[in-house]
Amino acid sequence: MNIIWRFYSDPTHAWRWQQISADRTVVSESHKAYKNYEGCLADAREKGYVFQAPQPKSNKGRLR
């Protein structure tokens, strides 16, 4: 299953996270709000979040 992690600031300016499936269904979310982004990120890591940098697009085979 492809999971998207969403990190956002709620209306009270506290940080939260969600795991969202490819069909945009919320699979899981933080149970508390965090004053700092770092605290939110640490909680998400405990729940399985791993940062994956986007892969650069290859220019192989393209005509210039």
N, C-alpha and C. Protein backbone atom coordinates (compact mmCIF):
# COMPACT_ATOMS: atom_id res chain seq x y z
N MET A 1 0.84 -1.17 0.00
CA MET A 1 0.00 0.00 0.00
C MET A 1 0.89 1.24 0.00
N ASN A 2 0.61 2.20 -0.87
CA ASN A 2 1.33 3.47 -0.89
C ASN A 2 0.74 4.39 0.17
N ILE A 3 1.61 4.89 1.01
CA ILE A 3 1.19 5.79 2.09
C ILE A 3 1.87 7.14 1.90
N ILE A 4 1.10 8.19 2.05
CA ILE A 4 1.62 9.55 2.01
C ILE A 4 1.57 10.07 3.44
N TRP A 5 2.65 10.67 3.89
CA TRP A 5 2.67 11.29 5.20
C TRP A 5 2.41 12.77 5.03
N ARG A 6 1.48 13.29 5.78
CA ARG A 6 1.13 14.71 5.72
C ARG A 6 1.45 15.33 7.07
N PHE A 7 2.22 16.41 7.06
CA PHE A 7 2.52 17.18 8.26
C PHE A 7 1.88 18.55 8.08
N TYR A 8 1.14 19.00 9.08
CA TYR A 8 0.44 20.26 8.94
C TYR A 8 0.29 20.97 10.28
N SER A 9 0.05 22.26 10.18
CA SER A 9 -0.19 23.08 11.35
C SER A 9 -1.70 23.28 11.46
N ASP A 10 -2.27 22.93 12.61
CA ASP A 10 -3.72 23.05 12.79
C ASP A 10 -4.13 24.50 13.10
N PRO A 11 -5.42 24.77 13.26
CA PRO A 11 -5.87 26.16 13.51
C PRO A 11 -5.27 26.81 14.76
N THR A 12 -4.80 26.00 15.71
CA THR A 12 -4.18 26.57 16.92
C THR A 12 -2.66 26.70 16.75
N HIS A 13 -2.16 26.47 15.53
CA HIS A 13 -0.74 26.57 15.17
C HIS A 13 0.10 25.46 15.81
N ALA A 14 -0.52 24.35 16.11
CA ALA A 14 0.19 23.18 16.62
C ALA A 14 0.40 22.21 15.46
N TRP A 15 1.46 21.42 15.53
CA TRP A 15 1.80 20.48 14.46
C TRP A 15 1.15 19.13 14.67
N ARG A 16 0.71 18.53 13.58
CA ARG A 16 0.10 17.20 13.57
C ARG A 16 0.57 16.46 12.32
N TRP A 17 0.39 15.14 12.33
CA TRP A 17 0.71 14.33 11.14
C TRP A 17 -0.45 13.40 10.84
N GLN A 18 -0.51 12.97 9.57
CA GLN A 18 -1.49 11.98 9.12
C GLN A 18 -0.80 11.04 8.13
N GLN A 19 -1.25 9.80 8.12
CA GLN A 19 -0.89 8.85 7.07
C GLN A 19 -2.11 8.76 6.17
N ILE A 20 -1.91 8.99 4.86
CA ILE A 20 -3.01 9.00 3.91
C ILE A 20 -2.74 7.98 2.83
N SER A 21 -3.77 7.17 2.48
CA SER A 21 -3.62 6.16 1.43
C SER A 21 -3.72 6.82 0.06
N ALA A 22 -3.41 6.07 -0.98
CA ALA A 22 -3.45 6.59 -2.34
C ALA A 22 -4.83 7.09 -2.73
N ASP A 23 -5.87 6.53 -2.14
CA ASP A 23 -7.24 7.00 -2.44
C ASP A 23 -7.69 8.12 -1.49
N ARG A 24 -6.72 8.70 -0.78
CA ARG A 24 -6.92 9.85 0.12
C ARG A 24 -7.71 9.56 1.39
N THR A 25 -7.73 8.31 1.80
CA THR A 25 -8.34 7.94 3.06
C THR A 25 -7.30 8.10 4.18
N VAL A 26 -7.69 8.72 5.29
CA VAL A 26 -6.77 8.85 6.42
C VAL A 26 -6.66 7.49 7.09
N VAL A 27 -5.44 6.95 7.11
CA VAL A 27 -5.17 5.63 7.69
C VAL A 27 -4.85 5.75 9.17
N SER A 28 -4.08 6.78 9.52
CA SER A 28 -3.66 6.98 10.90
C SER A 28 -3.32 8.47 11.07
N GLU A 29 -3.38 8.93 12.31
CA GLU A 29 -3.03 10.33 12.56
C GLU A 29 -2.50 10.50 13.98
N SER A 30 -1.81 11.61 14.20
CA SER A 30 -1.27 11.87 15.53
C SER A 30 -2.42 12.02 16.52
N HIS A 31 -2.18 11.53 17.72
CA HIS A 31 -3.21 11.60 18.76
C HIS A 31 -3.10 12.86 19.60
N LYS A 32 -2.02 13.60 19.36
CA LYS A 32 -1.87 14.86 20.07
C LYS A 32 -1.25 15.88 19.14
N ALA A 33 -1.32 17.12 19.53
CA ALA A 33 -0.72 18.22 18.78
C ALA A 33 0.63 18.56 19.40
N TYR A 34 1.55 19.03 18.58
CA TYR A 34 2.90 19.33 19.04
C TYR A 34 3.21 20.80 18.84
N LYS A 35 3.81 21.41 19.85
CA LYS A 35 4.17 22.81 19.78
C LYS A 35 5.24 23.03 18.71
N ASN A 36 6.17 22.08 18.60
CA ASN A 36 7.27 22.18 17.65
C ASN A 36 7.18 21.10 16.58
N TYR A 37 7.58 21.46 15.37
CA TYR A 37 7.60 20.51 14.25
C TYR A 37 8.48 19.31 14.58
N GLU A 38 9.59 19.53 15.25
CA GLU A 38 10.52 18.45 15.58
C GLU A 38 9.87 17.38 16.45
N GLY A 39 9.03 17.79 17.39
CA GLY A 39 8.32 16.83 18.23
C GLY A 39 7.34 16.00 17.43
N CYS A 40 6.65 16.66 16.51
CA CYS A 40 5.71 15.98 15.62
C CYS A 40 6.45 14.97 14.76
N LEU A 41 7.58 15.39 14.19
CA LEU A 41 8.38 14.52 13.34
C LEU A 41 8.91 13.31 14.12
N ALA A 42 9.36 13.52 15.35
CA ALA A 42 9.85 12.43 16.18
C ALA A 42 8.75 11.40 16.44
N ASP A 43 7.53 11.87 16.71
CA ASP A 43 6.42 10.95 16.92
C ASP A 43 6.11 10.16 15.65
N ALA A 44 6.12 10.84 14.51
CA ALA A 44 5.86 10.16 13.23
C ALA A 44 6.93 9.10 12.96
N ARG A 45 8.17 9.40 13.28
CA ARG A 45 9.25 8.41 13.09
C ARG A 45 9.01 7.18 13.95
N GLU A 46 8.51 7.37 15.16
CA GLU A 46 8.19 6.22 16.03
C GLU A 46 7.08 5.37 15.42
N LYS A 47 6.25 6.00 14.58
CA LYS A 47 5.13 5.28 13.95
C LYS A 47 5.49 4.75 12.56
N GLY A 48 6.76 4.94 12.14
CA GLY A 48 7.21 4.36 10.88
C GLY A 48 7.59 5.32 9.78
N TYR A 49 7.51 6.62 10.02
CA TYR A 49 7.87 7.59 8.99
C TYR A 49 9.37 7.54 8.71
N VAL A 50 9.71 7.50 7.42
CA VAL A 50 11.10 7.57 6.97
C VAL A 50 11.14 8.56 5.82
N PHE A 51 12.01 9.57 5.93
CA PHE A 51 12.11 10.56 4.87
C PHE A 51 12.76 9.93 3.65
N GLN A 52 12.15 10.12 2.49
CA GLN A 52 12.71 9.67 1.23
C GLN A 52 12.76 10.87 0.29
N ALA A 53 13.96 11.29 -0.03
CA ALA A 53 14.12 12.44 -0.92
C ALA A 53 13.61 12.10 -2.31
N PRO A 54 13.00 13.05 -2.99
CA PRO A 54 12.53 12.79 -4.36
C PRO A 54 13.71 12.45 -5.26
N GLN A 55 13.49 11.51 -6.16
CA GLN A 55 14.53 11.12 -7.09
C GLN A 55 14.55 12.09 -8.26
N PRO A 56 15.75 12.55 -8.66
CA PRO A 56 15.80 13.46 -9.81
C PRO A 56 15.37 12.74 -11.08
N LYS A 57 14.72 13.47 -11.96
CA LYS A 57 14.30 12.89 -13.22
C LYS A 57 15.52 12.68 -14.10
N SER A 58 15.54 11.56 -14.78
CA SER A 58 16.65 11.24 -15.65
C SER A 58 16.48 11.93 -17.00
N ASN A 59 17.58 12.40 -17.58
CA ASN A 59 17.56 13.00 -18.90
C ASN A 59 18.00 12.00 -19.97
N LYS A 60 18.17 10.74 -19.57
CA LYS A 60 18.60 9.72 -20.52
C LYS A 60 17.63 9.59 -21.66
N GLY A 61 18.14 9.53 -22.86
CA GLY A 61 17.30 9.28 -24.02
C GLY A 61 16.56 10.49 -24.55
N ARG A 62 16.72 11.61 -23.91
CA ARG A 62 16.02 12.81 -24.37
C ARG A 62 16.87 13.54 -25.40
N LEU A 63 16.22 14.03 -26.41
CA LEU A 63 16.91 14.84 -27.41
C LEU A 63 16.95 16.28 -26.94
N ARG A 64 18.05 16.92 -27.23
CA ARG A 64 18.18 18.32 -26.82
C ARG A 64 18.25 19.21 -28.01
